[in-house]
Amino acid sequence: MTVSDSWDMPLRTKLLARALSRSRGADRMQTYDEIARSRAWFAPARIPFTWVTGPVPRSVAIAGTGFRARDGHEVAVRTYRPRDAAGEVLPAVLWFHGGGWVLGNTRGYDPICAWIADRARVAVLNVDYRLAPEHRAPQAAHDCVDAARWAASEASGPDLRHTGLGLAGDSAGGNLAAVAAQVLLADGGADIAYEALLYPAVDATMSSPSVTEHAQAPILTRGDMDMFLAHYLGDGDDALDPVHPLVSPLHATDLSGLPPTLVQTADLDPLRDEGAAYAARLQAAGVEARHTNYPRVPHGFMSFPGATRVGAAARTELVDWVSRHARPGRVG
């Protein structure tokens, strides 16, 4: 994957995209060893990395907990709480990280999760759901649904509010948040008050015009998407159909009754149009849905706000949405 000088991005965004393109890509994610090495990496919480990712606020305490999934597997959860909220019952938002259901780790999302916890004064629960190809679809979706049901129960502890939960995530994590909201609406087990979907992957058919338009986009290419879905869906008789709602929430029959949803998309992203289509379908179903498309940025831009001109505005929109729905009447 190369980043052409023709991409209409600010110079600092283009330089970062070029650097990331040298270090990863579908051609480098073919073996378990390659995948494991990529999964293990995260940006250190120090300068100069924090100039790009944003700092982890010192006012936030990071800890760990976990829950037992439906099959008995112990799923780890990385937690973020304002340090001065000891003994306070906080609203909770579950975060599902991106990485194509194959890559990513919870620690790599410390900057954005801690920032949400600090600015919105909520507890963020960053779920270490199981990844493909070791655990194919719909295992990740099951883990995320189970995480929400755990957060809604007394088992998650007395310092969390067990109602009015939020679901949030980026890319594949946005997919999992949307899927979990649909499952919980249909089957129950948790009271979900809102969603926040950052450039979500909601259509595994990859049939939106932006997939073709941005097939060689910086950060995420069509080749990357093919690789991720091959690992996640698998093959053979037990592979999920790409239009199954547990993989493609855009293809669910009925979206009515879902909670208020923020959809943020990136203009130079193959996933742009499916995110916009999901927001439009929600609105047509009578759901409160807000869609904002951010110009001149590629997929993943919320993880490197310091390398963009719109990262701060997008994060402010996100935390205002969380604040408004987690704490009705309060704007962050």
C-alpha atoms as a PDB file:
ATOM      1  CA  MET A   1       0.000   0.000   0.000  1.00  0.00           C
ATOM      2  CA  THR A   2       1.341   3.415  -0.932  1.00  0.00           C
ATOM      3  CA  VAL A   3       0.110   6.865  -0.084  1.00  0.00           C
ATOM      4  CA  SER A   4      -0.069   9.030  -3.159  1.00  0.00           C
ATOM      5  CA  ASP A   5       0.681  12.746  -3.036  1.00  0.00           C
ATOM      6  CA  SER A   6      -2.660  13.170  -4.806  1.00  0.00           C
ATOM      7  CA  TRP A   7      -4.619  12.407  -1.625  1.00  0.00           C
ATOM      8  CA  ASP A   8      -6.233  15.606  -0.405  1.00  0.00           C
ATOM      9  CA  MET A   9      -4.944  15.513   3.158  1.00  0.00           C
ATOM     10  CA  PRO A  10      -2.978  17.964   5.301  1.00  0.00           C
ATOM     11  CA  LEU A  11       0.749  17.301   5.110  1.00  0.00           C
ATOM     12  CA  ARG A  12       1.032  15.964   8.667  1.00  0.00           C
ATOM     13  CA  THR A  13      -1.817  13.505   7.999  1.00  0.00           C
ATOM     14  CA  LYS A  14      -0.200  12.382   4.767  1.00  0.00           C
ATOM     15  CA  LEU A  15       3.180  11.838   6.440  1.00  0.00           C
ATOM     16  CA  LEU A  16       1.657   9.721   9.202  1.00  0.00           C
ATOM     17  CA  ALA A  17      -0.361   7.691   6.702  1.00  0.00           C
ATOM     18  CA  ARG A  18       2.806   7.033   4.711  1.00  0.00           C
ATOM     19  CA  ALA A  19       4.634   5.838   7.829  1.00  0.00           C
ATOM     20  CA  LEU A  20       1.777   3.544   8.844  1.00  0.00           C
ATOM     21  CA  SER A  21       1.573   2.171   5.312  1.00  0.00           C
ATOM     22  CA  ARG A  22       5.184   0.997   5.513  1.00  0.00           C
ATOM     23  CA  SER A  23       4.544  -0.950   8.708  1.00  0.00           C
ATOM     24  CA  ARG A  24       1.322  -2.792   7.976  1.00  0.00           C
ATOM     25  CA  GLY A  25      -0.907  -4.042   5.192  1.00  0.00           C
ATOM     26  CA  ALA A  26      -2.732  -7.140   3.996  1.00  0.00           C
ATOM     27  CA  ASP A  27       0.475  -8.611   2.563  1.00  0.00           C
ATOM     28  CA  ARG A  28       2.025  -8.534   6.053  1.00  0.00           C
ATOM     29  CA  MET A  29      -0.891 -10.186   7.865  1.00  0.00           C
ATOM     30  CA  GLN A  30      -0.891 -13.668   6.400  1.00  0.00           C
ATOM     31  CA  THR A  31       0.654 -15.718   9.204  1.00  0.00           C
ATOM     32  CA  TYR A  32      -0.166 -16.090  12.886  1.00  0.00           C
ATOM     33  CA  ASP A  33       3.259 -14.749  13.855  1.00  0.00           C
ATOM     34  CA  GLU A  34       2.753 -11.598  11.781  1.00  0.00           C
ATOM     35  CA  ILE A  35      -0.721 -11.072  13.224  1.00  0.00           C
ATOM     36  CA  ALA A  36       0.510 -11.637  16.786  1.00  0.00           C
ATOM     37  CA  ARG A  37       3.326  -9.094  16.371  1.00  0.00           C
ATOM     38  CA  SER A  38       0.917  -6.473  15.048  1.00  0.00           C
ATOM     39  CA  ARG A  39      -1.604  -7.136  17.814  1.00  0.00           C
ATOM     40  CA  ALA A  40       1.011  -6.631  20.504  1.00  0.00           C
ATOM     41  CA  TRP A  41       2.067  -3.137  19.400  1.00  0.00           C
ATOM     42  CA  PHE A  42       0.688   0.094  20.820  1.00  0.00           C
ATOM     43  CA  ALA A  43       1.967   3.656  20.834  1.00  0.00           C
ATOM     44  CA  PRO A  44       3.869   4.448  24.049  1.00  0.00           C
ATOM     45  CA  ALA A  45       2.250   7.074  26.281  1.00  0.00           C
ATOM     46  CA  ARG A  46       5.108   9.531  25.928  1.00  0.00           C
ATOM     47  CA  ILE A  47       6.278  12.332  23.687  1.00  0.00           C
ATOM     48  CA  PRO A  48       6.525  12.351  20.662  1.00  0.00           C
ATOM     49  CA  PHE A  49       3.854   9.637  20.326  1.00  0.00           C
ATOM     50  CA  THR A  50       1.332  11.580  22.402  1.00  0.00           C
ATOM     51  CA  TRP A  51       1.659  14.524  20.040  1.00  0.00           C
ATOM     52  CA  VAL A  52      -0.135  12.259  17.554  1.00  0.00           C
ATOM     53  CA  THR A  53      -2.403  10.066  19.706  1.00  0.00           C
ATOM     54  CA  GLY A  54      -3.226  12.600  22.378  1.00  0.00           C
ATOM     55  CA  PRO A  55      -2.107  12.161  25.995  1.00  0.00           C
ATOM     56  CA  VAL A  56      -3.598   9.831  28.589  1.00  0.00           C
ATOM     57  CA  PRO A  57      -5.019  12.229  31.224  1.00  0.00           C
ATOM     58  CA  ARG A  58      -3.306  11.861  34.596  1.00  0.00           C
ATOM     59  CA  SER A  59      -6.693  12.475  36.196  1.00  0.00           C
ATOM     60  CA  VAL A  60      -7.915   9.051  35.030  1.00  0.00           C
ATOM     61  CA  ALA A  61      -7.219   5.781  36.840  1.00  0.00           C
ATOM     62  CA  ILE A  62      -6.715   2.747  34.595  1.00  0.00           C
ATOM     63  CA  ALA A  63      -7.349  -0.707  36.026  1.00  0.00           C
ATOM     64  CA  GLY A  64      -8.483  -4.169  34.977  1.00  0.00           C
ATOM     65  CA  THR A  65     -11.361  -6.498  35.605  1.00  0.00           C
ATOM     66  CA  GLY A  66     -13.207  -9.142  33.605  1.00  0.00           C
ATOM     67  CA  PHE A  67     -16.199 -11.406  33.240  1.00  0.00           C
ATOM     68  CA  ARG A  68     -17.074 -14.951  32.276  1.00  0.00           C
ATOM     69  CA  ALA A  69     -18.564 -15.246  28.775  1.00  0.00           C
ATOM     70  CA  ARG A  70     -21.375 -17.641  27.919  1.00  0.00           C
ATOM     71  CA  ASP A  71     -18.917 -20.414  27.056  1.00  0.00           C
ATOM     72  CA  GLY A  72     -16.953 -19.994  30.294  1.00  0.00           C
ATOM     73  CA  HIS A  73     -14.065 -18.047  28.760  1.00  0.00           C
ATOM     74  CA  GLU A  74     -12.690 -15.225  30.914  1.00  0.00           C
ATOM     75  CA  VAL A  75     -12.826 -11.950  28.969  1.00  0.00           C
ATOM     76  CA  ALA A  76     -10.576  -9.155  30.239  1.00  0.00           C
ATOM     77  CA  VAL A  77     -11.838  -5.573  30.511  1.00  0.00           C
ATOM     78  CA  ARG A  78      -9.605  -2.505  30.826  1.00  0.00           C
ATOM     79  CA  THR A  79     -11.336   0.204  32.853  1.00  0.00           C
ATOM     80  CA  TYR A  80     -11.002   3.985  33.006  1.00  0.00           C
ATOM     81  CA  ARG A  81     -12.451   6.179  35.785  1.00  0.00           C
ATOM     82  CA  PRO A  82     -11.818   9.741  36.933  1.00  0.00           C
ATOM     83  CA  ARG A  83      -9.520   9.504  39.958  1.00  0.00           C
ATOM     84  CA  ASP A  84     -11.704  11.851  42.000  1.00  0.00           C
ATOM     85  CA  ALA A  85     -14.772   9.625  41.503  1.00  0.00           C
ATOM     86  CA  ALA A  86     -13.849   7.101  44.197  1.00  0.00           C
ATOM     87  CA  GLY A  87     -17.050   5.791  45.716  1.00  0.00           C
ATOM     88  CA  GLU A  88     -19.203   7.483  43.071  1.00  0.00           C
ATOM     89  CA  VAL A  89     -21.590   5.424  40.947  1.00  0.00           C
ATOM     90  CA  LEU A  90     -20.737   6.350  37.367  1.00  0.00           C
ATOM     91  CA  PRO A  91     -22.560   5.838  34.072  1.00  0.00           C
ATOM     92  CA  ALA A  92     -20.786   3.196  32.002  1.00  0.00           C
ATOM     93  CA  VAL A  93     -19.893   3.085  28.326  1.00  0.00           C
ATOM     94  CA  LEU A  94     -18.501  -0.090  26.777  1.00  0.00           C
ATOM     95  CA  TRP A  95     -15.753   0.422  24.207  1.00  0.00           C
ATOM     96  CA  PHE A  96     -14.992  -2.135  21.467  1.00  0.00           C
ATOM     97  CA  HIS A  97     -11.663  -1.529  19.734  1.00  0.00           C
ATOM     98  CA  GLY A  98     -10.982  -1.589  16.027  1.00  0.00           C
ATOM     99  CA  GLY A  99      -8.611  -3.753  14.014  1.00  0.00           C
ATOM    100  CA  GLY A 100     -10.740  -5.653  11.545  1.00  0.00           C
ATOM    101  CA  TRP A 101     -11.767  -8.269  14.165  1.00  0.00           C
ATOM    102  CA  VAL A 102      -8.162  -9.511  13.771  1.00  0.00           C
ATOM    103  CA  LEU A 103      -5.800  -6.837  15.113  1.00  0.00           C
ATOM    104  CA  GLY A 104      -5.793  -4.252  17.884  1.00  0.00           C
ATOM    105  CA  ASN A 105      -5.565  -4.392  21.649  1.00  0.00           C
ATOM    106  CA  THR A 106      -7.180  -2.585  24.547  1.00  0.00           C
ATOM    107  CA  ARG A 107      -4.035  -0.782  25.720  1.00  0.00           C
ATOM    108  CA  GLY A 108      -3.667   0.913  22.350  1.00  0.00           C
ATOM    109  CA  TYR A 109      -6.943   2.713  23.042  1.00  0.00           C
ATOM    110  CA  ASP A 110      -5.868   4.251  26.351  1.00  0.00           C
ATOM    111  CA  PRO A 111      -5.711   7.801  24.937  1.00  0.00           C
ATOM    112  CA  ILE A 112      -9.272   7.940  23.618  1.00  0.00           C
ATOM    113  CA  CYS A 113     -10.879   5.815  26.348  1.00  0.00           C
ATOM    114  CA  ALA A 114      -9.228   7.780  29.152  1.00  0.00           C
ATOM    115  CA  TRP A 115     -10.117  11.039  27.429  1.00  0.00           C
ATOM    116  CA  ILE A 116     -13.807  10.039  27.240  1.00  0.00           C
ATOM    117  CA  ALA A 117     -13.759   9.024  30.906  1.00  0.00           C
ATOM    118  CA  ASP A 118     -12.179  12.334  31.886  1.00  0.00           C
ATOM    119  CA  ARG A 119     -14.278  14.684  29.767  1.00  0.00           C
ATOM    120  CA  ALA A 120     -17.662  12.940  30.070  1.00  0.00           C
ATOM    121  CA  ARG A 121     -17.100  11.774  33.651  1.00  0.00           C
ATOM    122  CA  VAL A 122     -18.079   8.192  32.924  1.00  0.00           C
ATOM    123  CA  ALA A 123     -16.539   4.770  33.464  1.00  0.00           C
ATOM    124  CA  VAL A 124     -15.241   3.358  30.182  1.00  0.00           C
ATOM    125  CA  LEU A 125     -15.089  -0.441  29.904  1.00  0.00           C
ATOM    126  CA  ASN A 126     -12.675  -1.419  27.129  1.00  0.00           C
ATOM    127  CA  VAL A 127     -13.504  -5.030  26.227  1.00  0.00           C
ATOM    128  CA  ASP A 128     -10.760  -7.445  25.154  1.00  0.00           C
ATOM    129  CA  TYR A 129     -13.060  -9.537  22.965  1.00  0.00           C
ATOM    130  CA  ARG A 130     -11.693 -12.587  21.165  1.00  0.00           C
ATOM    131  CA  LEU A 131     -10.115 -12.103  17.747  1.00  0.00           C
ATOM    132  CA  ALA A 132      -9.998 -13.959  14.447  1.00  0.00           C
ATOM    133  CA  PRO A 133      -8.737 -16.122  12.873  1.00  0.00           C
ATOM    134  CA  GLU A 134      -8.479 -18.115  16.113  1.00  0.00           C
ATOM    135  CA  HIS A 135     -12.061 -17.128  16.964  1.00  0.00           C
ATOM    136  CA  ARG A 136     -14.216 -16.581  13.919  1.00  0.00           C
ATOM    137  CA  ALA A 137     -17.551 -14.801  13.627  1.00  0.00           C
ATOM    138  CA  PRO A 138     -19.749 -14.477  15.543  1.00  0.00           C
ATOM    139  CA  GLN A 139     -17.490 -15.035  18.595  1.00  0.00           C
ATOM    140  CA  ALA A 140     -16.493 -11.364  18.891  1.00  0.00           C
ATOM    141  CA  ALA A 141     -20.147 -10.311  18.726  1.00  0.00           C
ATOM    142  CA  HIS A 142     -21.088 -12.837  21.420  1.00  0.00           C
ATOM    143  CA  ASP A 143     -18.318 -11.525  23.690  1.00  0.00           C
ATOM    144  CA  CYS A 144     -19.508  -7.944  23.254  1.00  0.00           C
ATOM    145  CA  VAL A 145     -23.147  -8.835  23.960  1.00  0.00           C
ATOM    146  CA  ASP A 146     -22.014 -10.767  27.041  1.00  0.00           C
ATOM    147  CA  ALA A 147     -19.937  -7.766  28.132  1.00  0.00           C
ATOM    148  CA  ALA A 148     -22.993  -5.516  28.012  1.00  0.00           C
ATOM    149  CA  ARG A 149     -25.063  -8.000  29.997  1.00  0.00           C
ATOM    150  CA  TRP A 150     -22.266  -8.244  32.575  1.00  0.00           C
ATOM    151  CA  ALA A 151     -22.081  -4.433  32.835  1.00  0.00           C
ATOM    152  CA  ALA A 152     -25.853  -4.406  33.363  1.00  0.00           C
ATOM    153  CA  SER A 153     -25.558  -6.836  36.284  1.00  0.00           C
ATOM    154  CA  GLU A 154     -24.437  -6.475  39.864  1.00  0.00           C
ATOM    155  CA  ALA A 155     -21.439  -8.670  38.984  1.00  0.00           C
ATOM    156  CA  SER A 156     -19.723  -5.666  37.385  1.00  0.00           C
ATOM    157  CA  GLY A 157     -19.522  -3.928  40.751  1.00  0.00           C
ATOM    158  CA  PRO A 158     -21.291  -1.319  42.865  1.00  0.00           C
ATOM    159  CA  ASP A 159     -19.480   1.689  41.380  1.00  0.00           C
ATOM    160  CA  LEU A 160     -21.161   1.358  37.966  1.00  0.00           C
ATOM    161  CA  ARG A 161     -24.664   2.393  37.034  1.00  0.00           C
ATOM    162  CA  HIS A 162     -26.167  -0.769  35.565  1.00  0.00           C
ATOM    163  CA  THR A 163     -28.801   0.982  33.453  1.00  0.00           C
ATOM    164  CA  GLY A 164     -28.476   3.502  30.651  1.00  0.00           C
ATOM    165  CA  LEU A 165     -25.343   1.907  29.220  1.00  0.00           C
ATOM    166  CA  GLY A 166     -23.529   3.249  26.179  1.00  0.00           C
ATOM    167  CA  LEU A 167     -21.978   1.167  23.394  1.00  0.00           C
ATOM    168  CA  ALA A 168     -19.121   2.644  21.380  1.00  0.00           C
ATOM    169  CA  GLY A 169     -16.317   1.551  19.110  1.00  0.00           C
ATOM    170  CA  ASP A 170     -14.320   2.294  15.998  1.00  0.00           C
ATOM    171  CA  SER A 171     -14.208   0.395  12.695  1.00  0.00           C
ATOM    172  CA  ALA A 172     -14.718  -3.303  13.541  1.00  0.00           C
ATOM    173  CA  GLY A 173     -15.531  -2.132  17.060  1.00  0.00           C
ATOM    174  CA  GLY A 174     -18.242   0.090  15.616  1.00  0.00           C
ATOM    175  CA  ASN A 175     -19.590  -2.990  13.874  1.00  0.00           C
ATOM    176  CA  LEU A 176     -19.654  -4.869  17.186  1.00  0.00           C
ATOM    177  CA  ALA A 177     -21.366  -1.995  18.998  1.00  0.00           C
ATOM    178  CA  ALA A 178     -24.082  -1.854  16.325  1.00  0.00           C
ATOM    179  CA  VAL A 179     -24.512  -5.646  16.355  1.00  0.00           C
ATOM    180  CA  ALA A 180     -24.678  -5.768  20.155  1.00  0.00           C
ATOM    181  CA  ALA A 181     -27.311  -3.031  20.250  1.00  0.00           C
ATOM    182  CA  GLN A 182     -29.490  -4.965  17.808  1.00  0.00           C
ATOM    183  CA  VAL A 183     -29.118  -8.254  19.711  1.00  0.00           C
ATOM    184  CA  LEU A 184     -29.825  -6.655  23.080  1.00  0.00           C
ATOM    185  CA  LEU A 185     -32.890  -4.872  21.718  1.00  0.00           C
ATOM    186  CA  ALA A 186     -34.261  -8.166  20.416  1.00  0.00           C
ATOM    187  CA  ASP A 187     -33.210 -10.509  23.238  1.00  0.00           C
ATOM    188  CA  GLY A 188     -32.786  -8.227  26.249  1.00  0.00           C
ATOM    189  CA  GLY A 189     -30.283  -8.425  29.043  1.00  0.00           C
ATOM    190  CA  ALA A 190     -29.070  -4.823  29.136  1.00  0.00           C
ATOM    191  CA  ASP A 191     -30.550  -1.335  28.994  1.00  0.00           C
ATOM    192  CA  ILE A 192     -28.697   0.502  26.217  1.00  0.00           C
ATOM    193  CA  ALA A 193     -29.199   4.272  26.191  1.00  0.00           C
ATOM    194  CA  TYR A 194     -27.062   5.271  23.202  1.00  0.00           C
ATOM    195  CA  GLU A 195     -24.411   4.258  20.688  1.00  0.00           C
ATOM    196  CA  ALA A 196     -21.378   6.009  19.219  1.00  0.00           C
ATOM    197  CA  LEU A 197     -20.025   4.421  16.035  1.00  0.00           C
ATOM    198  CA  LEU A 198     -16.728   5.708  14.646  1.00  0.00           C
ATOM    199  CA  TYR A 199     -16.268   4.905  10.936  1.00  0.00           C
ATOM    200  CA  PRO A 200     -18.094   1.597  11.498  1.00  0.00           C
ATOM    201  CA  ALA A 201     -17.840  -1.466   9.269  1.00  0.00           C
ATOM    202  CA  VAL A 202     -21.518  -2.317   8.937  1.00  0.00           C
ATOM    203  CA  ASP A 203     -21.729  -4.023   5.521  1.00  0.00           C
ATOM    204  CA  ALA A 204     -19.526  -7.066   4.877  1.00  0.00           C
ATOM    205  CA  THR A 205     -20.709  -7.242   1.255  1.00  0.00           C
ATOM    206  CA  MET A 206     -18.380  -4.275   0.587  1.00  0.00           C
ATOM    207  CA  SER A 207     -20.789  -3.030  -2.054  1.00  0.00           C
ATOM    208  CA  SER A 208     -20.843   0.695  -1.204  1.00  0.00           C
ATOM    209  CA  PRO A 209     -19.457   3.126  -3.798  1.00  0.00           C
ATOM    210  CA  SER A 210     -16.742   4.389  -1.433  1.00  0.00           C
ATOM    211  CA  VAL A 211     -15.211   0.897  -1.281  1.00  0.00           C
ATOM    212  CA  THR A 212     -14.392   1.226  -4.973  1.00  0.00           C
ATOM    213  CA  GLU A 213     -13.635   4.954  -4.835  1.00  0.00           C
ATOM    214  CA  HIS A 214     -11.133   4.502  -1.993  1.00  0.00           C
ATOM    215  CA  ALA A 215      -9.905   0.993  -2.763  1.00  0.00           C
ATOM    216  CA  GLN A 216      -6.296   2.187  -2.385  1.00  0.00           C
ATOM    217  CA  ALA A 217      -6.934   4.676   0.405  1.00  0.00           C
ATOM    218  CA  PRO A 218      -4.383   5.436   3.093  1.00  0.00           C
ATOM    219  CA  ILE A 219      -4.631   3.383   6.317  1.00  0.00           C
ATOM    220  CA  LEU A 220      -7.369   0.995   5.050  1.00  0.00           C
ATOM    221  CA  THR A 221      -7.493  -0.507   1.554  1.00  0.00           C
ATOM    222  CA  ARG A 222      -9.850  -2.904  -0.168  1.00  0.00           C
ATOM    223  CA  GLY A 223      -7.099  -5.520   0.145  1.00  0.00           C
ATOM    224  CA  ASP A 224      -7.020  -5.006   3.912  1.00  0.00           C
ATOM    225  CA  MET A 225     -10.794  -5.382   4.072  1.00  0.00           C
ATOM    226  CA  ASP A 226     -10.686  -8.617   2.054  1.00  0.00           C
ATOM    227  CA  MET A 227      -8.020 -10.003   4.383  1.00  0.00           C
ATOM    228  CA  PHE A 228      -9.872  -9.049   7.568  1.00  0.00           C
ATOM    229  CA  LEU A 229     -13.160 -10.541   6.395  1.00  0.00           C
ATOM    230  CA  ALA A 230     -11.468 -13.740   5.207  1.00  0.00           C
ATOM    231  CA  HIS A 231     -10.010 -14.199   8.687  1.00  0.00           C
ATOM    232  CA  TYR A 232     -13.230 -13.230  10.466  1.00  0.00           C
ATOM    233  CA  LEU A 233     -15.841 -15.056   8.371  1.00  0.00           C
ATOM    234  CA  GLY A 234     -13.766 -18.108   7.569  1.00  0.00           C
ATOM    235  CA  ASP A 235     -14.857 -20.552   4.908  1.00  0.00           C
ATOM    236  CA  GLY A 236     -16.786 -23.765   4.642  1.00  0.00           C
ATOM    237  CA  ASP A 237     -20.231 -24.670   5.905  1.00  0.00           C
ATOM    238  CA  ASP A 238     -19.858 -22.887   9.242  1.00  0.00           C
ATOM    239  CA  ALA A 239     -18.897 -19.503   7.745  1.00  0.00           C
ATOM    240  CA  LEU A 240     -21.427 -16.746   8.304  1.00  0.00           C
ATOM    241  CA  ASP A 241     -23.036 -15.205   5.238  1.00  0.00           C
ATOM    242  CA  PRO A 242     -21.749 -11.632   4.712  1.00  0.00           C
ATOM    243  CA  VAL A 243     -25.323 -10.316   4.909  1.00  0.00           C
ATOM    244  CA  HIS A 244     -26.046 -11.962   8.256  1.00  0.00           C
ATOM    245  CA  PRO A 245     -26.983  -9.248  10.797  1.00  0.00           C
ATOM    246  CA  LEU A 246     -24.334 -10.549  13.231  1.00  0.00           C
ATOM    247  CA  VAL A 247     -21.775  -9.496  10.618  1.00  0.00           C
ATOM    248  CA  SER A 248     -23.579  -6.770   8.665  1.00  0.00           C
ATOM    249  CA  PRO A 249     -25.913  -4.775  10.923  1.00  0.00           C
ATOM    250  CA  LEU A 250     -26.827  -2.613   7.924  1.00  0.00           C
ATOM    251  CA  HIS A 251     -28.737  -5.611   6.551  1.00  0.00           C
ATOM    252  CA  ALA A 252     -30.938  -6.127   9.603  1.00  0.00           C
ATOM    253  CA  THR A 253     -34.604  -6.201   8.618  1.00  0.00           C
ATOM    254  CA  ASP A 254     -35.858  -3.672  11.168  1.00  0.00           C
ATOM    255  CA  LEU A 255     -33.847  -0.937  12.909  1.00  0.00           C
ATOM    256  CA  SER A 256     -36.728   0.662  14.766  1.00  0.00           C
ATOM    257  CA  GLY A 257     -36.419   0.932  18.520  1.00  0.00           C
ATOM    258  CA  LEU A 258     -32.626   1.174  18.560  1.00  0.00           C
ATOM    259  CA  PRO A 259     -31.080   3.768  20.894  1.00  0.00           C
ATOM    260  CA  PRO A 260     -29.870   7.213  19.786  1.00  0.00           C
ATOM    261  CA  THR A 261     -26.800   6.735  17.627  1.00  0.00           C
ATOM    262  CA  LEU A 262     -23.901   8.954  16.587  1.00  0.00           C
ATOM    263  CA  VAL A 263     -22.129   7.887  13.385  1.00  0.00           C
ATOM    264  CA  GLN A 264     -18.837   9.577  12.543  1.00  0.00           C
ATOM    265  CA  THR A 265     -17.241   8.862   9.183  1.00  0.00           C
ATOM    266  CA  ALA A 266     -14.009   9.818   7.420  1.00  0.00           C
ATOM    267  CA  ASP A 267     -14.237  11.205   3.902  1.00  0.00           C
ATOM    268  CA  LEU A 268     -11.182   9.318   2.546  1.00  0.00           C
ATOM    269  CA  ASP A 269     -12.355   5.952   3.838  1.00  0.00           C
ATOM    270  CA  PRO A 270     -13.719   2.888   2.036  1.00  0.00           C
ATOM    271  CA  LEU A 271     -16.250   2.557   4.901  1.00  0.00           C
ATOM    272  CA  ARG A 272     -17.619   6.097   4.488  1.00  0.00           C
ATOM    273  CA  ASP A 273     -20.755   5.279   2.518  1.00  0.00           C
ATOM    274  CA  GLU A 274     -21.884   2.281   4.558  1.00  0.00           C
ATOM    275  CA  GLY A 275     -21.640   4.363   7.727  1.00  0.00           C
ATOM    276  CA  ALA A 276     -23.721   7.073   6.102  1.00  0.00           C
ATOM    277  CA  ALA A 277     -26.223   4.469   4.880  1.00  0.00           C
ATOM    278  CA  TYR A 278     -26.586   3.034   8.383  1.00  0.00           C
ATOM    279  CA  ALA A 279     -27.302   6.462   9.834  1.00  0.00           C
ATOM    280  CA  ALA A 280     -29.865   7.100   7.095  1.00  0.00           C
ATOM    281  CA  ARG A 281     -31.593   3.780   7.757  1.00  0.00           C
ATOM    282  CA  LEU A 282     -31.743   4.550  11.471  1.00  0.00           C
ATOM    283  CA  GLN A 283     -33.307   7.930  10.773  1.00  0.00           C
ATOM    284  CA  ALA A 284     -35.822   6.360   8.376  1.00  0.00           C
ATOM    285  CA  ALA A 285     -36.745   3.902  11.154  1.00  0.00           C
ATOM    286  CA  GLY A 286     -37.481   6.766  13.525  1.00  0.00           C
ATOM    287  CA  VAL A 287     -34.267   6.462  15.553  1.00  0.00           C
ATOM    288  CA  GLU A 288     -32.469   9.583  16.742  1.00  0.00           C
ATOM    289  CA  ALA A 289     -29.310   9.407  14.641  1.00  0.00           C
ATOM    290  CA  ARG A 290     -26.626  11.963  13.930  1.00  0.00           C
ATOM    291  CA  HIS A 291     -24.115  11.527  11.112  1.00  0.00           C
ATOM    292  CA  THR A 292     -21.011  13.676  10.683  1.00  0.00           C
ATOM    293  CA  ASN A 293     -18.562  13.120   7.843  1.00  0.00           C
ATOM    294  CA  TYR A 294     -15.127  14.621   8.493  1.00  0.00           C
ATOM    295  CA  PRO A 295     -13.224  15.957   5.453  1.00  0.00           C
ATOM    296  CA  ARG A 296      -9.637  15.297   4.395  1.00  0.00           C
ATOM    297  CA  VAL A 297      -9.021  12.444   6.824  1.00  0.00           C
ATOM    298  CA  PRO A 298      -8.589   8.694   6.322  1.00  0.00           C
ATOM    299  CA  HIS A 299      -9.949   5.740   8.240  1.00  0.00           C
ATOM    300  CA  GLY A 300      -8.793   5.607  11.854  1.00  0.00           C
ATOM    301  CA  PHE A 301      -8.226   9.344  12.231  1.00  0.00           C
ATOM    302  CA  MET A 302      -9.674   9.469  15.760  1.00  0.00           C
ATOM    303  CA  SER A 303      -6.672   7.442  16.945  1.00  0.00           C
ATOM    304  CA  PHE A 304      -4.240  10.083  15.679  1.00  0.00           C
ATOM    305  CA  PRO A 305      -6.018  13.415  16.251  1.00  0.00           C
ATOM    306  CA  GLY A 306      -2.748  15.329  16.516  1.00  0.00           C
ATOM    307  CA  ALA A 307      -1.957  14.524  12.885  1.00  0.00           C
ATOM    308  CA  THR A 308      -5.235  15.963  11.577  1.00  0.00           C
ATOM    309  CA  ARG A 309      -7.062  19.269  11.531  1.00  0.00           C
ATOM    310  CA  VAL A 310     -10.425  17.822  12.559  1.00  0.00           C
ATOM    311  CA  GLY A 311      -9.463  15.286  15.214  1.00  0.00           C
ATOM    312  CA  ALA A 312     -10.161  17.649  18.109  1.00  0.00           C
ATOM    313  CA  ALA A 313     -13.592  18.572  16.729  1.00  0.00           C
ATOM    314  CA  ALA A 314     -14.502  14.916  16.191  1.00  0.00           C
ATOM    315  CA  ARG A 315     -13.473  13.991  19.729  1.00  0.00           C
ATOM    316  CA  THR A 316     -15.457  16.922  21.111  1.00  0.00           C
ATOM    317  CA  GLU A 317     -18.542  15.785  19.207  1.00  0.00           C
ATOM    318  CA  LEU A 318     -18.055  12.260  20.553  1.00  0.00           C
ATOM    319  CA  VAL A 319     -17.686  13.281  24.195  1.00  0.00           C
ATOM    320  CA  ASP A 320     -20.613  15.709  23.966  1.00  0.00           C
ATOM    321  CA  TRP A 321     -22.769  12.852  22.649  1.00  0.00           C
ATOM    322  CA  VAL A 322     -21.665  10.560  25.473  1.00  0.00           C
ATOM    323  CA  SER A 323     -22.204  13.294  28.075  1.00  0.00           C
ATOM    324  CA  ARG A 324     -25.649  14.188  26.824  1.00  0.00           C
ATOM    325  CA  HIS A 325     -26.937  10.617  26.779  1.00  0.00           C
ATOM    326  CA  ALA A 326     -25.058   9.196  29.759  1.00  0.00           C
ATOM    327  CA  ARG A 327     -25.993  12.193  31.912  1.00  0.00           C
ATOM    328  CA  PRO A 328     -29.199  13.674  30.504  1.00  0.00           C
ATOM    329  CA  GLY A 329     -29.227  17.441  30.864  1.00  0.00           C
ATOM    330  CA  ARG A 330     -25.435  17.742  31.013  1.00  0.00           C
ATOM    331  CA  VAL A 331     -23.268  18.784  28.065  1.00  0.00           C
ATOM    332  CA  GLY A 332     -19.554  17.930  28.390  1.00  0.00           C
END
